[in-house]
Amino acid sequence: MLSMDYIKERKDKLKEGYIKRNTSTIPFGYQMDNESSTFLKPIELELEALQIAENMVVNEEVSLQAACDWLEYKTDRRISAPGLKKHIDKKYGLRSERLGTEPTSLLSR
C-alpha cells in the first residue's frame, strides 16, 4: 500500500515540471533527480534553448544540424540531428504535414 507522503511527494514533483522516467535515455532538457530515480528534473536553460531551436527548424530558418550545433554551443549538451528531428516530428508532426507539401529536394525524389 502506498503511503500518503509518497503520493504527495509524487504530485509535488510533477507540479514542478518533473516528468516520469520511462526509458533508460534521459531526454534533452532533463536530468536525473537526486532524490528519486523515477522522476526527471527539468533544466530550464536547456528547455528554453530547445524551444528556440524547434521554432527555427519548424519555420525553416535553419537546418537540423545547425540547430543541433547551436544547442550544443548554448547548453554544452549534445543532441543528434535525428534525435532533434524525432523530437520535432513528435511534437509538431511530420514536415509534409506541417507544410502541406512534399519536399522538393533532389535527394527526396
Protein backbone atom coordinates (compact mmCIF):
# COMPACT_ATOMS: atom_id res chain seq x y z
CA MET A 1 0.00 0.00 0.00
CA LEU A 2 1.33 3.45 -0.92
CA SER A 3 1.75 5.94 1.89
CA MET A 4 0.14 9.37 1.64
CA ASP A 5 3.56 11.04 1.96
CA TYR A 6 4.83 9.13 -1.08
CA ILE A 7 1.78 10.08 -3.14
CA LYS A 8 2.09 13.73 -2.07
CA GLU A 9 5.79 13.73 -2.99
CA ARG A 10 5.00 12.38 -6.46
CA LYS A 11 2.31 15.00 -7.06
CA ASP A 12 4.59 17.81 -5.85
CA LYS A 13 7.37 16.73 -8.20
CA LEU A 14 5.01 16.58 -11.18
CA LYS A 15 3.74 20.07 -10.40
CA GLU A 16 7.29 21.46 -10.53
CA GLY A 17 7.76 20.32 -14.13
CA TYR A 18 9.22 16.93 -13.33
CA ILE A 19 8.41 14.09 -15.71
CA LYS A 20 8.28 10.39 -15.04
CA ARG A 21 11.20 8.41 -16.40
CA ASN A 22 10.02 5.85 -18.96
CA THR A 23 13.24 4.66 -20.62
CA SER A 24 16.95 4.49 -19.93
CA THR A 25 17.55 7.53 -22.16
CA ILE A 26 17.39 10.91 -20.45
CA PRO A 27 15.65 13.39 -22.81
CA PHE A 28 17.28 16.69 -23.73
CA GLY A 29 16.35 19.33 -21.18
CA TYR A 30 16.11 16.96 -18.22
CA GLN A 31 18.44 15.37 -15.70
CA MET A 32 18.15 12.64 -13.10
CA ASP A 33 16.57 13.72 -9.85
CA ASN A 34 18.90 13.20 -6.87
CA GLU A 35 16.08 12.12 -4.58
CA SER A 36 14.16 9.78 -6.87
CA SER A 37 15.26 7.61 -9.79
CA THR A 38 11.72 7.55 -11.24
CA PHE A 39 11.49 11.28 -11.96
CA LEU A 40 13.50 13.58 -14.22
CA LYS A 41 14.18 17.16 -13.21
CA PRO A 42 13.73 19.90 -15.85
CA ILE A 43 16.67 22.12 -16.81
CA GLU A 44 15.11 25.46 -17.72
CA LEU A 45 18.06 26.77 -19.78
CA GLU A 46 18.07 23.65 -21.96
CA LEU A 47 14.29 23.59 -22.40
CA GLU A 48 14.23 27.27 -23.41
CA ALA A 49 17.06 26.73 -25.89
CA LEU A 50 15.32 23.63 -27.27
CA GLN A 51 12.12 25.64 -27.81
CA ILE A 52 14.06 28.32 -29.71
CA ALA A 53 15.79 25.68 -31.86
CA GLU A 54 12.46 23.92 -32.55
CA ASN A 55 10.90 27.17 -33.75
CA MET A 56 13.85 27.93 -36.03
CA VAL A 57 13.73 24.46 -37.61
CA VAL A 58 9.93 24.38 -37.95
CA ASN A 59 9.98 27.83 -39.61
CA GLU A 60 12.83 26.58 -41.83
CA GLU A 61 15.18 29.33 -40.71
CA VAL A 62 18.00 26.86 -40.01
CA SER A 63 18.83 23.24 -40.77
CA LEU A 64 18.55 20.45 -38.24
CA GLN A 65 22.34 20.20 -37.99
CA ALA A 66 22.75 23.95 -37.48
CA ALA A 67 20.14 23.83 -34.72
CA CYS A 68 21.96 20.89 -33.08
CA ASP A 69 25.26 22.76 -33.23
CA TRP A 70 23.65 25.88 -31.73
CA LEU A 71 22.07 23.83 -28.94
CA GLU A 72 25.42 22.27 -28.08
CA TYR A 73 27.06 25.71 -28.07
CA LYS A 74 24.29 27.20 -25.91
CA THR A 75 23.83 24.35 -23.39
CA ASP A 76 27.05 22.26 -23.51
CA ARG A 77 24.84 19.23 -24.10
CA ARG A 78 24.72 17.35 -27.39
CA ILE A 79 21.65 16.24 -29.36
CA SER A 80 21.91 14.46 -32.69
CA ALA A 81 20.13 15.69 -35.83
CA PRO A 82 17.98 12.52 -35.98
CA GLY A 83 17.17 12.97 -32.28
CA LEU A 84 16.08 16.57 -32.82
CA LYS A 85 14.08 15.58 -35.89
CA LYS A 86 12.31 12.85 -33.93
CA HIS A 87 11.51 15.32 -31.15
CA ILE A 88 10.15 17.92 -33.60
CA ASP A 89 8.15 15.35 -35.61
CA LYS A 90 6.62 14.01 -32.40
CA LYS A 91 5.66 17.48 -31.19
CA TYR A 92 4.67 19.21 -34.45
CA GLY A 93 4.03 16.36 -36.89
CA LEU A 94 5.99 15.38 -39.98
CA ARG A 95 7.40 18.11 -42.21
CA SER A 96 4.97 17.28 -45.01
CA GLU A 97 2.06 17.56 -42.56
CA ARG A 98 3.31 20.88 -41.18
CA LEU A 99 3.86 22.48 -44.57
CA GLY A 100 1.19 20.69 -46.56
CA THR A 101 3.62 19.96 -49.40
CA GLU A 102 6.16 17.31 -50.23
CA PRO A 103 9.84 18.28 -50.13
CA THR A 104 11.25 19.48 -53.45
CA SER A 105 14.83 18.41 -52.80
CA LEU A 106 16.52 16.18 -55.38
CA LEU A 107 17.53 13.86 -52.55
CA SER A 108 13.94 13.22 -51.57
CA ARG A 109 12.87 12.10 -55.05
